[in-house]
Amino acid sequence: MTDTLAHFGVKPDGVMGHSVGEIAATYADGAITRSQAMQIAYYRAKVIIDQAMPEGKMLSAGTS
């Protein structure tokens, strides 16, 4: 979405995000590249998963 809007000349005056949205906001601001945003998101998820789930375990949640 950020790239599509930028293609049409739409640039944000300000950005803000929460959790993973902070990565997206930083990318939308132009402070990091798309590649850097993907790397940050990958390693953020890896750290969270490694801390939250012991090795060899799986979590499943049923939702409606």
PDB file of N, CA and C in Angstrom:
ATOM      1  N   MET A   1       0.826  -1.172   0.000  1.00  0.00           N
ATOM      2  CA  MET A   1       0.000   0.000   0.000  1.00  0.00           C
ATOM      3  C   MET A   1       0.878   1.245   0.000  1.00  0.00           C
ATOM      4  N   THR A   2       1.897   1.239   0.834  1.00  0.00           N
ATOM      5  CA  THR A   2       2.808   2.388   0.900  1.00  0.00           C
ATOM      6  C   THR A   2       3.447   2.651  -0.453  1.00  0.00           C
ATOM      7  N   ASP A   3       3.909   1.599  -1.108  1.00  0.00           N
ATOM      8  CA  ASP A   3       4.553   1.765  -2.404  1.00  0.00           C
ATOM      9  C   ASP A   3       3.568   2.237  -3.465  1.00  0.00           C
ATOM     10  N   THR A   4       2.348   1.728  -3.424  1.00  0.00           N
ATOM     11  CA  THR A   4       1.329   2.137  -4.393  1.00  0.00           C
ATOM     12  C   THR A   4       1.000   3.618  -4.225  1.00  0.00           C
ATOM     13  N   LEU A   5       0.800   4.045  -2.997  1.00  0.00           N
ATOM     14  CA  LEU A   5       0.511   5.452  -2.747  1.00  0.00           C
ATOM     15  C   LEU A   5       1.682   6.338  -3.159  1.00  0.00           C
ATOM     16  N   ALA A   6       2.903   5.912  -2.848  1.00  0.00           N
ATOM     17  CA  ALA A   6       4.084   6.684  -3.224  1.00  0.00           C
ATOM     18  C   ALA A   6       4.198   6.796  -4.743  1.00  0.00           C
ATOM     19  N   HIS A   7       3.827   5.743  -5.444  1.00  0.00           N
ATOM     20  CA  HIS A   7       3.851   5.760  -6.904  1.00  0.00           C
ATOM     21  C   HIS A   7       2.980   6.888  -7.456  1.00  0.00           C
ATOM     22  N   PHE A   8       1.882   7.166  -6.773  1.00  0.00           N
ATOM     23  CA  PHE A   8       0.975   8.227  -7.196  1.00  0.00           C
ATOM     24  C   PHE A   8       1.284   9.567  -6.534  1.00  0.00           C
ATOM     25  N   GLY A   9       2.437   9.641  -5.875  1.00  0.00           N
ATOM     26  CA  GLY A   9       2.868  10.905  -5.285  1.00  0.00           C
ATOM     27  C   GLY A   9       2.309  11.195  -3.903  1.00  0.00           C
ATOM     28  N   VAL A  10       1.661  10.227  -3.290  1.00  0.00           N
ATOM     29  CA  VAL A  10       1.111  10.427  -1.956  1.00  0.00           C
ATOM     30  C   VAL A  10       2.177  10.065  -0.924  1.00  0.00           C
ATOM     31  N   LYS A  11       2.574  11.023  -0.124  1.00  0.00           N
ATOM     32  CA  LYS A  11       3.589  10.799   0.911  1.00  0.00           C
ATOM     33  C   LYS A  11       3.009  11.217   2.254  1.00  0.00           C
ATOM     34  N   PRO A  12       3.277  10.445   3.302  1.00  0.00           N
ATOM     35  CA  PRO A  12       2.720  10.803   4.612  1.00  0.00           C
ATOM     36  C   PRO A  12       3.414  12.023   5.222  1.00  0.00           C
ATOM     37  N   ASP A  13       2.645  12.844   5.922  1.00  0.00           N
ATOM     38  CA  ASP A  13       3.224  13.953   6.688  1.00  0.00           C
ATOM     39  C   ASP A  13       3.752  13.455   8.025  1.00  0.00           C
ATOM     40  N   GLY A  14       3.167  12.387   8.500  1.00  0.00           N
ATOM     41  CA  GLY A  14       3.575  11.786   9.760  1.00  0.00           C
ATOM     42  C   GLY A  14       3.103  10.346   9.787  1.00  0.00           C
ATOM     43  N   VAL A  15       3.728   9.561  10.611  1.00  0.00           N
ATOM     44  CA  VAL A  15       3.360   8.151  10.718  1.00  0.00           C
ATOM     45  C   VAL A  15       3.333   7.742  12.181  1.00  0.00           C
ATOM     46  N   MET A  16       2.588   6.674  12.449  1.00  0.00           N
ATOM     47  CA  MET A  16       2.617   6.102  13.783  1.00  0.00           C
ATOM     48  C   MET A  16       2.130   4.665  13.680  1.00  0.00           C
ATOM     49  N   GLY A  17       2.578   3.852  14.574  1.00  0.00           N
ATOM     50  CA  GLY A  17       2.162   2.466  14.554  1.00  0.00           C
ATOM     51  C   GLY A  17       2.311   1.842  15.919  1.00  0.00           C
ATOM     52  N   HIS A  18       1.741   0.667  16.048  1.00  0.00           N
ATOM     53  CA  HIS A  18       1.837  -0.080  17.297  1.00  0.00           C
ATOM     54  C   HIS A  18       2.226  -1.510  16.954  1.00  0.00           C
ATOM     55  N   SER A  19       3.156  -2.054  17.709  1.00  0.00           N
ATOM     56  CA  SER A  19       3.606  -3.418  17.520  1.00  0.00           C
ATOM     57  C   SER A  19       4.223  -3.559  16.126  1.00  0.00           C
ATOM     58  N   VAL A  20       3.740  -4.482  15.325  1.00  0.00           N
ATOM     59  CA  VAL A  20       4.304  -4.656  13.982  1.00  0.00           C
ATOM     60  C   VAL A  20       4.060  -3.410  13.128  1.00  0.00           C
ATOM     61  N   GLY A  21       3.013  -2.666  13.448  1.00  0.00           N
ATOM     62  CA  GLY A  21       2.722  -1.433  12.729  1.00  0.00           C
ATOM     63  C   GLY A  21       3.829  -0.406  12.838  1.00  0.00           C
ATOM     64  N   GLU A  22       4.641  -0.500  13.871  1.00  0.00           N
ATOM     65  CA  GLU A  22       5.786   0.405  14.001  1.00  0.00           C
ATOM     66  C   GLU A  22       6.790   0.171  12.878  1.00  0.00           C
ATOM     67  N   ILE A  23       6.941  -1.066  12.475  1.00  0.00           N
ATOM     68  CA  ILE A  23       7.844  -1.384  11.367  1.00  0.00           C
ATOM     69  C   ILE A  23       7.293  -0.782  10.085  1.00  0.00           C
ATOM     70  N   ALA A  24       5.999  -0.973   9.861  1.00  0.00           N
ATOM     71  CA  ALA A  24       5.361  -0.423   8.665  1.00  0.00           C
ATOM     72  C   ALA A  24       5.439   1.098   8.652  1.00  0.00           C
ATOM     73  N   ALA A  25       5.222   1.718   9.804  1.00  0.00           N
ATOM     74  CA  ALA A  25       5.281   3.178   9.880  1.00  0.00           C
ATOM     75  C   ALA A  25       6.686   3.682   9.585  1.00  0.00           C
ATOM     76  N   THR A  26       7.683   2.988  10.086  1.00  0.00           N
ATOM     77  CA  THR A  26       9.073   3.392   9.835  1.00  0.00           C
ATOM     78  C   THR A  26       9.409   3.273   8.359  1.00  0.00           C
ATOM     79  N   TYR A  27       8.906   2.227   7.708  1.00  0.00           N
ATOM     80  CA  TYR A  27       9.105   2.066   6.262  1.00  0.00           C
ATOM     81  C   TYR A  27       8.367   3.157   5.497  1.00  0.00           C
ATOM     82  N   ALA A  28       7.118   3.419   5.891  1.00  0.00           N
ATOM     83  CA  ALA A  28       6.322   4.452   5.206  1.00  0.00           C
ATOM     84  C   ALA A  28       6.984   5.815   5.317  1.00  0.00           C
ATOM     85  N   ASP A  29       7.689   6.043   6.413  1.00  0.00           N
ATOM     86  CA  ASP A  29       8.395   7.303   6.630  1.00  0.00           C
ATOM     87  C   ASP A  29       9.664   7.399   5.787  1.00  0.00           C
ATOM     88  N   GLY A  30      10.125   6.269   5.279  1.00  0.00           N
ATOM     89  CA  GLY A  30      11.344   6.257   4.473  1.00  0.00           C
ATOM     90  C   GLY A  30      12.615   6.100   5.289  1.00  0.00           C
ATOM     91  N   ALA A  31      12.461   5.816   6.590  1.00  0.00           N
ATOM     92  CA  ALA A  31      13.627   5.686   7.458  1.00  0.00           C
ATOM     93  C   ALA A  31      14.356   4.358   7.262  1.00  0.00           C
ATOM     94  N   ILE A  32      13.639   3.336   6.750  1.00  0.00           N
ATOM     95  CA  ILE A  32      14.257   2.045   6.451  1.00  0.00           C
ATOM     96  C   ILE A  32      13.774   1.580   5.082  1.00  0.00           C
ATOM     97  N   THR A  33      14.512   0.670   4.489  1.00  0.00           N
ATOM     98  CA  THR A  33      14.136   0.124   3.187  1.00  0.00           C
ATOM     99  C   THR A  33      13.119  -1.001   3.360  1.00  0.00           C
ATOM    100  N   ARG A  34      12.519  -1.407   2.256  1.00  0.00           N
ATOM    101  CA  ARG A  34      11.580  -2.533   2.291  1.00  0.00           C
ATOM    102  C   ARG A  34      12.289  -3.793   2.787  1.00  0.00           C
ATOM    103  N   SER A  35      13.492  -4.013   2.297  1.00  0.00           N
ATOM    104  CA  SER A  35      14.271  -5.178   2.718  1.00  0.00           C
ATOM    105  C   SER A  35      14.545  -5.141   4.223  1.00  0.00           C
ATOM    106  N   GLN A  36      14.902  -3.979   4.738  1.00  0.00           N
ATOM    107  CA  GLN A  36      15.148  -3.859   6.172  1.00  0.00           C
ATOM    108  C   GLN A  36      13.866  -4.105   6.970  1.00  0.00           C
ATOM    109  N   ALA A  37      12.741  -3.604   6.478  1.00  0.00           N
ATOM    110  CA  ALA A  37      11.460  -3.815   7.161  1.00  0.00           C
ATOM    111  C   ALA A  37      11.143  -5.304   7.242  1.00  0.00           C
ATOM    112  N   MET A  38      11.376  -6.025   6.162  1.00  0.00           N
ATOM    113  CA  MET A  38      11.100  -7.464   6.162  1.00  0.00           C
ATOM    114  C   MET A  38      12.037  -8.200   7.118  1.00  0.00           C
ATOM    115  N   GLN A  39      13.289  -7.789   7.158  1.00  0.00           N
ATOM    116  CA  GLN A  39      14.236  -8.429   8.067  1.00  0.00           C
ATOM    117  C   GLN A  39      13.854  -8.172   9.524  1.00  0.00           C
ATOM    118  N   ILE A  40      13.484  -6.942   9.834  1.00  0.00           N
ATOM    119  CA  ILE A  40      13.081  -6.609  11.200  1.00  0.00           C
ATOM    120  C   ILE A  40      11.853  -7.423  11.596  1.00  0.00           C
ATOM    121  N   ALA A  41      10.865  -7.504  10.702  1.00  0.00           N
ATOM    122  CA  ALA A  41       9.641  -8.260  10.996  1.00  0.00           C
ATOM    123  C   ALA A  41       9.961  -9.741  11.211  1.00  0.00           C
ATOM    124  N   TYR A  42      10.840 -10.282  10.383  1.00  0.00           N
ATOM    125  CA  TYR A  42      11.221 -11.693  10.507  1.00  0.00           C
ATOM    126  C   TYR A  42      11.873 -11.962  11.862  1.00  0.00           C
ATOM    127  N   TYR A  43      12.882 -11.170  12.207  1.00  0.00           N
ATOM    128  CA  TYR A  43      13.600 -11.426  13.452  1.00  0.00           C
ATOM    129  C   TYR A  43      12.757 -11.096  14.680  1.00  0.00           C
ATOM    130  N   ARG A  44      11.861 -10.121  14.580  1.00  0.00           N
ATOM    131  CA  ARG A  44      10.953  -9.822  15.677  1.00  0.00           C
ATOM    132  C   ARG A  44      10.067 -11.038  15.951  1.00  0.00           C
ATOM    133  N   ALA A  45       9.495 -11.598  14.895  1.00  0.00           N
ATOM    134  CA  ALA A  45       8.638 -12.773  15.053  1.00  0.00           C
ATOM    135  C   ALA A  45       9.429 -13.956  15.593  1.00  0.00           C
ATOM    136  N   LYS A  46      10.645 -14.137  15.102  1.00  0.00           N
ATOM    137  CA  LYS A  46      11.482 -15.249  15.554  1.00  0.00           C
ATOM    138  C   LYS A  46      11.771 -15.145  17.043  1.00  0.00           C
ATOM    139  N   VAL A  47      12.097 -13.966  17.518  1.00  0.00           N
ATOM    140  CA  VAL A  47      12.374 -13.773  18.944  1.00  0.00           C
ATOM    141  C   VAL A  47      11.126 -14.060  19.774  1.00  0.00           C
ATOM    142  N   ILE A  48       9.987 -13.536  19.337  1.00  0.00           N
ATOM    143  CA  ILE A  48       8.737 -13.749  20.079  1.00  0.00           C
ATOM    144  C   ILE A  48       8.389 -15.234  20.131  1.00  0.00           C
ATOM    145  N   ILE A  49       8.499 -15.910  19.008  1.00  0.00           N
ATOM    146  CA  ILE A  49       8.173 -17.340  18.963  1.00  0.00           C
ATOM    147  C   ILE A  49       9.145 -18.140  19.820  1.00  0.00           C
ATOM    148  N   ASP A  50      10.433 -17.828  19.720  1.00  0.00           N
ATOM    149  CA  ASP A  50      11.432 -18.565  20.500  1.00  0.00           C
ATOM    150  C   ASP A  50      11.223 -18.379  21.998  1.00  0.00           C
ATOM    151  N   GLN A  51      10.789 -17.194  22.406  1.00  0.00           N
ATOM    152  CA  GLN A  51      10.574 -16.941  23.832  1.00  0.00           C
ATOM    153  C   GLN A  51       9.258 -17.532  24.320  1.00  0.00           C
ATOM    154  N   ALA A  52       8.235 -17.506  23.490  1.00  0.00           N
ATOM    155  CA  ALA A  52       6.904 -17.902  23.920  1.00  0.00           C
ATOM    156  C   ALA A  52       6.650 -19.404  23.850  1.00  0.00           C
ATOM    157  N   MET A  53       7.327 -20.079  22.939  1.00  0.00           N
ATOM    158  CA  MET A  53       7.047 -21.497  22.735  1.00  0.00           C
ATOM    159  C   MET A  53       8.305 -22.330  22.939  1.00  0.00           C
ATOM    160  N   PRO A  54       8.290 -23.223  23.902  1.00  0.00           N
ATOM    161  CA  PRO A  54       9.439 -24.106  24.095  1.00  0.00           C
ATOM    162  C   PRO A  54       9.672 -24.946  22.837  1.00  0.00           C
ATOM    163  N   GLU A  55      10.904 -25.320  22.637  1.00  0.00           N
ATOM    164  CA  GLU A  55      11.266 -26.107  21.456  1.00  0.00           C
ATOM    165  C   GLU A  55      10.469 -27.406  21.407  1.00  0.00           C
ATOM    166  N   GLY A  56       9.985 -27.738  20.208  1.00  0.00           N
ATOM    167  CA  GLY A  56       9.275 -28.981  20.023  1.00  0.00           C
ATOM    168  C   GLY A  56       7.801 -28.927  20.380  1.00  0.00           C
ATOM    169  N   LYS A  57       7.286 -27.775  20.696  1.00  0.00           N
ATOM    170  CA  LYS A  57       5.885 -27.625  21.073  1.00  0.00           C
ATOM    171  C   LYS A  57       5.125 -26.885  19.968  1.00  0.00           C
ATOM    172  N   MET A  58       3.823 -27.032  20.013  1.00  0.00           N
ATOM    173  CA  MET A  58       2.972 -26.348  19.035  1.00  0.00           C
ATOM    174  C   MET A  58       1.750 -25.812  19.759  1.00  0.00           C
ATOM    175  N   LEU A  59       1.282 -24.677  19.337  1.00  0.00           N
ATOM    176  CA  LEU A  59       0.102 -24.074  19.926  1.00  0.00           C
ATOM    177  C   LEU A  59      -0.976 -23.954  18.865  1.00  0.00           C
ATOM    178  N   SER A  60      -2.177 -24.304  19.239  1.00  0.00           N
ATOM    179  CA  SER A  60      -3.309 -24.210  18.325  1.00  0.00           C
ATOM    180  C   SER A  60      -4.454 -23.548  19.077  1.00  0.00           C
ATOM    181  N   ALA A  61      -5.145 -22.638  18.406  1.00  0.00           N
ATOM    182  CA  ALA A  61      -6.280 -21.969  19.047  1.00  0.00           C
ATOM    183  C   ALA A  61      -7.471 -22.005  18.112  1.00  0.00           C
ATOM    184  N   GLY A  62      -8.600 -22.489  18.608  1.00  0.00           N
ATOM    185  CA  GLY A  62      -9.817 -22.480  17.817  1.00  0.00           C
ATOM    186  C   GLY A  62     -10.521 -21.139  17.970  1.00  0.00           C
ATOM    187  N   THR A  63     -10.905 -20.561  16.869  1.00  0.00           N
ATOM    188  CA  THR A  63     -11.622 -19.285  16.911  1.00  0.00           C
ATOM    189  C   THR A  63     -12.858 -19.371  16.039  1.00  0.00           C
ATOM    190  N   SER A  64     -13.802 -18.523  16.320  1.00  0.00           N
ATOM    191  CA  SER A  64     -15.014 -18.515  15.499  1.00  0.00           C
ATOM    192  C   SER A  64     -14.947 -17.413  14.458  1.00  0.00           C
TER     193      SER A  64
END
